[in-house]
Amino acid sequence: MDVYRRHRPAGGGATHVRPDEPRVLESWDGFACIPEGTAPNLAAAQAWAAGRPGPGG
């Protein structure tokens, strides 16, 4: 697997729907995706997944 960080909507559904809702952040540990935390919105989750600091951090 070449994706080491991913995000998904906390309430389920497609990632592009409701961009202002919280996201669950997960990282790949070589065996399974483990929860890393949450992001307040899609933009912050995308920044985290890309390895960049999110807004305010």
N, C-alpha and C. Protein backbone atom coordinates (compact mmCIF):
# COMPACT_ATOMS: atom_id res chain seq x y z
N MET A 1 0.85 -1.17 0.00
CA MET A 1 0.00 0.00 0.00
C MET A 1 0.90 1.23 0.00
N ASP A 2 0.64 2.16 -0.90
CA ASP A 2 1.48 3.35 -0.97
C ASP A 2 0.83 4.59 -0.37
N VAL A 3 -0.30 4.45 0.28
CA VAL A 3 -0.96 5.55 0.98
C VAL A 3 -0.75 5.34 2.47
N TYR A 4 0.03 6.22 3.08
CA TYR A 4 0.36 6.05 4.50
C TYR A 4 -0.52 6.88 5.42
N ARG A 5 -1.21 7.87 4.87
CA ARG A 5 -2.14 8.69 5.65
C ARG A 5 -3.42 8.84 4.85
N ARG A 6 -4.55 8.72 5.53
CA ARG A 6 -5.83 8.91 4.85
C ARG A 6 -6.80 9.57 5.80
N HIS A 7 -7.87 10.09 5.23
CA HIS A 7 -8.93 10.71 6.03
C HIS A 7 -10.27 10.25 5.46
N ARG A 8 -11.27 10.26 6.33
CA ARG A 8 -12.62 9.91 5.91
C ARG A 8 -13.61 10.69 6.76
N PRO A 9 -14.80 10.96 6.21
CA PRO A 9 -15.79 11.71 6.98
C PRO A 9 -16.17 10.97 8.26
N ALA A 10 -16.31 11.69 9.34
CA ALA A 10 -16.67 11.08 10.62
C ALA A 10 -18.06 10.45 10.57
N GLY A 11 -18.95 11.02 9.76
CA GLY A 11 -20.31 10.50 9.66
C GLY A 11 -20.51 9.52 8.52
N GLY A 12 -19.43 9.16 7.83
CA GLY A 12 -19.53 8.26 6.68
C GLY A 12 -19.85 9.02 5.41
N GLY A 13 -19.89 8.31 4.30
CA GLY A 13 -20.18 8.93 3.01
C GLY A 13 -18.93 9.25 2.23
N ALA A 14 -19.13 9.92 1.10
CA ALA A 14 -18.03 10.27 0.21
C ALA A 14 -17.19 11.40 0.81
N THR A 15 -15.89 11.43 0.48
CA THR A 15 -15.01 12.42 1.10
C THR A 15 -15.28 13.85 0.64
N HIS A 16 -15.84 14.04 -0.55
CA HIS A 16 -16.06 15.39 -1.05
C HIS A 16 -17.38 16.00 -0.58
N VAL A 17 -18.24 15.19 0.02
CA VAL A 17 -19.54 15.67 0.48
C VAL A 17 -19.39 16.33 1.85
N ARG A 18 -20.06 17.45 2.04
CA ARG A 18 -20.05 18.17 3.32
C ARG A 18 -18.61 18.49 3.78
N PRO A 19 -17.92 19.35 3.04
CA PRO A 19 -16.51 19.64 3.35
C PRO A 19 -16.28 20.33 4.69
N ASP A 20 -17.32 20.84 5.32
CA ASP A 20 -17.14 21.53 6.61
C ASP A 20 -17.33 20.62 7.82
N GLU A 21 -17.57 19.34 7.58
CA GLU A 21 -17.77 18.41 8.70
C GLU A 21 -16.44 17.76 9.11
N PRO A 22 -16.35 17.28 10.35
CA PRO A 22 -15.11 16.66 10.86
C PRO A 22 -14.70 15.42 10.07
N ARG A 23 -13.40 15.16 10.08
CA ARG A 23 -12.83 13.99 9.41
C ARG A 23 -12.03 13.17 10.41
N VAL A 24 -12.05 11.86 10.22
CA VAL A 24 -11.23 10.94 11.01
C VAL A 24 -9.91 10.78 10.26
N LEU A 25 -8.80 10.92 10.97
CA LEU A 25 -7.46 10.79 10.38
C LEU A 25 -6.89 9.42 10.74
N GLU A 26 -6.36 8.72 9.75
CA GLU A 26 -5.79 7.39 9.98
C GLU A 26 -4.45 7.29 9.28
N SER A 27 -3.54 6.52 9.86
CA SER A 27 -2.25 6.27 9.22
C SER A 27 -2.02 4.77 9.11
N TRP A 28 -1.23 4.39 8.14
CA TRP A 28 -0.92 2.98 7.88
C TRP A 28 0.34 2.61 8.66
N ASP A 29 0.26 1.55 9.46
CA ASP A 29 1.41 1.14 10.27
C ASP A 29 2.14 -0.07 9.67
N GLY A 30 1.80 -0.42 8.44
CA GLY A 30 2.42 -1.57 7.79
C GLY A 30 1.55 -2.81 7.86
N PHE A 31 0.52 -2.76 8.69
CA PHE A 31 -0.39 -3.89 8.84
C PHE A 31 -1.85 -3.46 8.74
N ALA A 32 -2.18 -2.34 9.35
CA ALA A 32 -3.57 -1.86 9.36
C ALA A 32 -3.58 -0.34 9.52
N CYS A 33 -4.72 0.26 9.21
CA CYS A 33 -4.90 1.70 9.43
C CYS A 33 -5.24 1.91 10.89
N ILE A 34 -4.52 2.82 11.52
CA ILE A 34 -4.77 3.11 12.93
C ILE A 34 -5.24 4.57 13.06
N PRO A 35 -6.18 4.84 13.96
CA PRO A 35 -6.66 6.21 14.12
C PRO A 35 -5.57 7.11 14.68
N GLU A 36 -5.49 8.31 14.13
CA GLU A 36 -4.50 9.30 14.58
C GLU A 36 -5.16 10.51 15.23
N GLY A 37 -6.43 10.72 14.94
CA GLY A 37 -7.12 11.87 15.50
C GLY A 37 -8.23 12.33 14.59
N THR A 38 -8.60 13.60 14.71
CA THR A 38 -9.65 14.16 13.88
C THR A 38 -9.19 15.50 13.32
N ALA A 39 -9.85 15.91 12.26
CA ALA A 39 -9.63 17.23 11.66
C ALA A 39 -10.98 17.93 11.61
N PRO A 40 -10.99 19.24 11.75
CA PRO A 40 -12.28 19.96 11.79
C PRO A 40 -13.00 20.03 10.45
N ASN A 41 -12.26 19.87 9.33
CA ASN A 41 -12.89 19.98 8.02
C ASN A 41 -12.03 19.29 6.95
N LEU A 42 -12.52 19.27 5.73
CA LEU A 42 -11.84 18.60 4.63
C LEU A 42 -10.48 19.21 4.33
N ALA A 43 -10.38 20.54 4.33
CA ALA A 43 -9.11 21.20 4.01
C ALA A 43 -8.01 20.82 5.01
N ALA A 44 -8.33 20.80 6.28
CA ALA A 44 -7.35 20.43 7.30
C ALA A 44 -6.96 18.95 7.16
N ALA A 45 -7.93 18.10 6.84
CA ALA A 45 -7.64 16.67 6.66
C ALA A 45 -6.74 16.44 5.46
N GLN A 46 -6.99 17.15 4.37
CA GLN A 46 -6.15 17.01 3.17
C GLN A 46 -4.74 17.49 3.44
N ALA A 47 -4.59 18.58 4.19
CA ALA A 47 -3.26 19.07 4.54
C ALA A 47 -2.52 18.05 5.39
N TRP A 48 -3.19 17.45 6.36
CA TRP A 48 -2.56 16.42 7.21
C TRP A 48 -2.16 15.23 6.37
N ALA A 49 -3.02 14.78 5.47
CA ALA A 49 -2.72 13.60 4.64
C ALA A 49 -1.52 13.86 3.72
N ALA A 50 -1.33 15.10 3.32
CA ALA A 50 -0.21 15.46 2.46
C ALA A 50 1.07 15.70 3.25
N GLY A 51 0.99 15.65 4.59
CA GLY A 51 2.16 15.85 5.44
C GLY A 51 2.43 17.30 5.76
N ARG A 52 1.49 18.18 5.42
CA ARG A 52 1.65 19.60 5.73
C ARG A 52 0.91 19.92 7.01
N PRO A 53 1.35 20.93 7.74
CA PRO A 53 0.60 21.34 8.93
C PRO A 53 -0.75 21.91 8.51
N GLY A 54 -1.76 21.66 9.29
CA GLY A 54 -3.09 22.18 9.00
C GLY A 54 -3.21 23.63 9.43
N PRO A 55 -4.37 24.23 9.21
CA PRO A 55 -4.58 25.59 9.64
C PRO A 55 -4.34 25.76 11.14
N GLY A 56 -3.58 26.76 11.48
CA GLY A 56 -3.27 27.03 12.89
C GLY A 56 -2.21 26.12 13.48
N GLY A 57 -1.57 25.27 12.65
CA GLY A 57 -0.58 24.40 13.23
C GLY A 57 0.55 24.22 12.34
